[in-house]
Amino acid sequence: MFEEVNSQQIGKGDLMNQAAGGFDPSQLATFIIPMMIFGAIFTFISVLPYWFIFKKAGFSPWLTVLMFVPLANLIILYVIAFSEWKVVPVAQTYLPPQYPPAPPSPQISQS
C-alpha cells in the first residue's frame, strides 16, 4: 500500500514539492496580485457609502476609517443611526397630479 521513500533517491527540494502537493512558490504572485486588486476594489466599494452617509449626517467623512476597526464599526453605526442628523429635511408637500380638464358636457336643446 504505502511505499517507503528512500531519502537518497529523492532530493530535499523534491520532498518539499511532494509535501506541498506540487505547489511552486514562484506561482504565488499569480494568486496574490489579483487578490490584492480585488481587495482594493472591494474596499473602495464598501467604504464609499459610509463616506457619503457620514457626510450627509453632518459628521466627518473620515469616520469611515473606523469601519476597519472590528468593534468600533458597530459602535459608530449605532451612534450615526440614533443621533440627530444636522441635515434640514425637505418640506413634504403634496401636489395632486395635474389632469387635463374634463371635456365640456354636451348641450341638449329643448324645443
C-alpha atoms as a PDB file:
ATOM      1  CA  MET A   1       0.000   0.000   0.000  1.00  0.00           C
ATOM      2  CA  PHE A   2       2.453   2.677   1.128  1.00  0.00           C
ATOM      3  CA  GLU A   3       5.907   2.626  -0.292  1.00  0.00           C
ATOM      4  CA  GLU A   4       8.789   3.798   1.763  1.00  0.00           C
ATOM      5  CA  VAL A   5      10.722   6.556   0.115  1.00  0.00           C
ATOM      6  CA  ASN A   6      14.454   6.347   0.370  1.00  0.00           C
ATOM      7  CA  SER A   7      15.905   9.790   1.118  1.00  0.00           C
ATOM      8  CA  GLN A   8      18.823   9.036  -1.192  1.00  0.00           C
ATOM      9  CA  GLN A   9      16.517   8.579  -4.172  1.00  0.00           C
ATOM     10  CA  ILE A  10      14.681  11.886  -3.776  1.00  0.00           C
ATOM     11  CA  GLY A  11      16.397  15.197  -3.210  1.00  0.00           C
ATOM     12  CA  LYS A  12      15.448  17.639  -0.484  1.00  0.00           C
ATOM     13  CA  GLY A  13      13.602  20.009  -2.872  1.00  0.00           C
ATOM     14  CA  ASP A  14      11.602  17.141  -4.309  1.00  0.00           C
ATOM     15  CA  LEU A  15      10.405  16.155  -0.838  1.00  0.00           C
ATOM     16  CA  MET A  16       9.196  19.710  -0.226  1.00  0.00           C
ATOM     17  CA  ASN A  17       7.337  19.791  -3.543  1.00  0.00           C
ATOM     18  CA  GLN A  18       5.713  16.463  -2.753  1.00  0.00           C
ATOM     19  CA  ALA A  19       4.721  17.644   0.726  1.00  0.00           C
ATOM     20  CA  ALA A  20       3.261  20.853  -0.694  1.00  0.00           C
ATOM     21  CA  GLY A  21       1.266  18.979  -3.282  1.00  0.00           C
ATOM     22  CA  GLY A  22       3.440  20.110  -6.164  1.00  0.00           C
ATOM     23  CA  PHE A  23       2.936  23.836  -5.462  1.00  0.00           C
ATOM     24  CA  ASP A  24       5.690  26.057  -6.764  1.00  0.00           C
ATOM     25  CA  PRO A  25       6.272  29.142  -4.569  1.00  0.00           C
ATOM     26  CA  SER A  26       7.101  31.218  -7.643  1.00  0.00           C
ATOM     27  CA  GLN A  27       3.437  30.894  -8.652  1.00  0.00           C
ATOM     28  CA  LEU A  28       2.391  32.725  -5.513  1.00  0.00           C
ATOM     29  CA  ALA A  29       2.406  36.106  -7.270  1.00  0.00           C
ATOM     30  CA  THR A  30      -0.132  34.724  -9.723  1.00  0.00           C
ATOM     31  CA  PHE A  31      -2.612  34.425  -6.859  1.00  0.00           C
ATOM     32  CA  ILE A  32      -1.601  37.343  -4.647  1.00  0.00           C
ATOM     33  CA  ILE A  33      -1.658  40.148  -7.238  1.00  0.00           C
ATOM     34  CA  PRO A  34      -5.254  39.546  -8.432  1.00  0.00           C
ATOM     35  CA  MET A  35      -6.398  39.101  -4.818  1.00  0.00           C
ATOM     36  CA  MET A  36      -4.818  42.452  -3.887  1.00  0.00           C
ATOM     37  CA  ILE A  37      -6.538  44.160  -6.819  1.00  0.00           C
ATOM     38  CA  PHE A  38      -9.876  42.564  -5.911  1.00  0.00           C
ATOM     39  CA  GLY A  39      -9.380  43.550  -2.260  1.00  0.00           C
ATOM     40  CA  ALA A  40      -8.676  47.179  -3.186  1.00  0.00           C
ATOM     41  CA  ILE A  41     -11.781  47.337  -5.393  1.00  0.00           C
ATOM     42  CA  PHE A  42     -13.956  45.702  -2.708  1.00  0.00           C
ATOM     43  CA  THR A  43     -12.601  48.073  -0.046  1.00  0.00           C
ATOM     44  CA  PHE A  44     -13.381  51.116  -2.169  1.00  0.00           C
ATOM     45  CA  ILE A  45     -16.878  49.857  -2.972  1.00  0.00           C
ATOM     46  CA  SER A  46     -17.668  49.117   0.677  1.00  0.00           C
ATOM     47  CA  VAL A  47     -16.194  52.364   2.086  1.00  0.00           C
ATOM     48  CA  LEU A  48     -17.804  54.774  -0.385  1.00  0.00           C
ATOM     49  CA  PRO A  49     -21.395  54.540   1.006  1.00  0.00           C
ATOM     50  CA  TYR A  50     -20.191  55.117   4.570  1.00  0.00           C
ATOM     51  CA  TRP A  51     -18.285  58.213   3.395  1.00  0.00           C
ATOM     52  CA  PHE A  52     -21.476  59.730   1.959  1.00  0.00           C
ATOM     53  CA  ILE A  53     -23.625  58.700   4.941  1.00  0.00           C
ATOM     54  CA  PHE A  54     -21.254  60.328   7.433  1.00  0.00           C
ATOM     55  CA  LYS A  55     -21.021  63.435   5.272  1.00  0.00           C
ATOM     56  CA  LYS A  56     -24.815  63.682   4.902  1.00  0.00           C
ATOM     57  CA  ALA A  57     -25.325  63.155   8.641  1.00  0.00           C
ATOM     58  CA  GLY A  58     -23.081  66.117   9.401  1.00  0.00           C
ATOM     59  CA  PHE A  59     -20.192  64.071  10.778  1.00  0.00           C
ATOM     60  CA  SER A  60     -16.661  63.975   9.477  1.00  0.00           C
ATOM     61  CA  PRO A  61     -16.414  61.634   6.486  1.00  0.00           C
ATOM     62  CA  TRP A  62     -13.071  60.451   7.867  1.00  0.00           C
ATOM     63  CA  LEU A  63     -15.039  58.399  10.414  1.00  0.00           C
ATOM     64  CA  THR A  64     -15.164  55.893   7.568  1.00  0.00           C
ATOM     65  CA  VAL A  65     -11.725  54.737   8.691  1.00  0.00           C
ATOM     66  CA  LEU A  66     -13.392  53.328  11.821  1.00  0.00           C
ATOM     67  CA  MET A  67     -15.232  50.832   9.617  1.00  0.00           C
ATOM     68  CA  PHE A  68     -11.979  48.830   9.541  1.00  0.00           C
ATOM     69  CA  VAL A  69     -11.812  48.546  13.353  1.00  0.00           C
ATOM     70  CA  PRO A  70     -13.811  45.455  14.418  1.00  0.00           C
ATOM     71  CA  LEU A  71     -15.860  46.720  17.364  1.00  0.00           C
ATOM     72  CA  ALA A  72     -15.712  50.420  16.581  1.00  0.00           C
ATOM     73  CA  ASN A  73     -17.589  49.905  13.304  1.00  0.00           C
ATOM     74  CA  LEU A  74     -20.678  48.626  15.136  1.00  0.00           C
ATOM     75  CA  ILE A  75     -20.489  51.386  17.739  1.00  0.00           C
ATOM     76  CA  ILE A  76     -20.195  54.160  15.152  1.00  0.00           C
ATOM     77  CA  LEU A  77     -23.104  52.727  13.146  1.00  0.00           C
ATOM     78  CA  TYR A  78     -25.320  52.864  16.237  1.00  0.00           C
ATOM     79  CA  VAL A  79     -24.135  56.393  17.027  1.00  0.00           C
ATOM     80  CA  ILE A  80     -24.996  57.505  13.498  1.00  0.00           C
ATOM     81  CA  ALA A  81     -28.329  55.667  13.465  1.00  0.00           C
ATOM     82  CA  PHE A  82     -29.635  57.174  16.702  1.00  0.00           C
ATOM     83  CA  SER A  83     -28.077  60.638  16.601  1.00  0.00           C
ATOM     84  CA  GLU A  84     -29.812  63.730  15.291  1.00  0.00           C
ATOM     85  CA  TRP A  85     -28.591  64.451  11.793  1.00  0.00           C
ATOM     86  CA  LYS A  86     -27.604  68.017  11.030  1.00  0.00           C
ATOM     87  CA  VAL A  87     -29.499  67.978   7.753  1.00  0.00           C
ATOM     88  CA  VAL A  88     -32.523  70.153   7.140  1.00  0.00           C
ATOM     89  CA  PRO A  89     -35.312  67.905   5.918  1.00  0.00           C
ATOM     90  CA  VAL A  90     -37.056  68.801   2.704  1.00  0.00           C
ATOM     91  CA  ALA A  91     -40.602  70.040   3.184  1.00  0.00           C
ATOM     92  CA  GLN A  92     -43.013  67.250   2.398  1.00  0.00           C
ATOM     93  CA  THR A  93     -45.755  68.889   0.355  1.00  0.00           C
ATOM     94  CA  TYR A  94     -48.357  67.007  -1.575  1.00  0.00           C
ATOM     95  CA  LEU A  95     -49.161  68.261  -5.026  1.00  0.00           C
ATOM     96  CA  PRO A  96     -52.068  66.495  -6.658  1.00  0.00           C
ATOM     97  CA  PRO A  97     -51.385  65.290 -10.166  1.00  0.00           C
ATOM     98  CA  GLN A  98     -52.339  67.689 -12.907  1.00  0.00           C
ATOM     99  CA  TYR A  99     -55.042  66.101 -15.023  1.00  0.00           C
ATOM    100  CA  PRO A 100     -56.313  67.714 -18.206  1.00  0.00           C
ATOM    101  CA  PRO A 101     -59.659  69.478 -17.788  1.00  0.00           C
ATOM    102  CA  ALA A 102     -62.772  67.446 -18.362  1.00  0.00           C
ATOM    103  CA  PRO A 103     -64.391  67.860 -21.781  1.00  0.00           C
ATOM    104  CA  PRO A 104     -67.441  70.095 -21.842  1.00  0.00           C
ATOM    105  CA  SER A 105     -70.727  68.330 -21.423  1.00  0.00           C
ATOM    106  CA  PRO A 106     -72.996  68.268 -24.495  1.00  0.00           C
ATOM    107  CA  GLN A 107     -75.765  70.869 -24.521  1.00  0.00           C
ATOM    108  CA  ILE A 108     -79.201  69.402 -25.111  1.00  0.00           C
ATOM    109  CA  SER A 109     -81.610  71.887 -26.586  1.00  0.00           C
ATOM    110  CA  GLN A 110     -85.265  71.562 -25.663  1.00  0.00           C
ATOM    111  CA  SER A 111     -87.532  72.755 -28.415  1.00  0.00           C
END
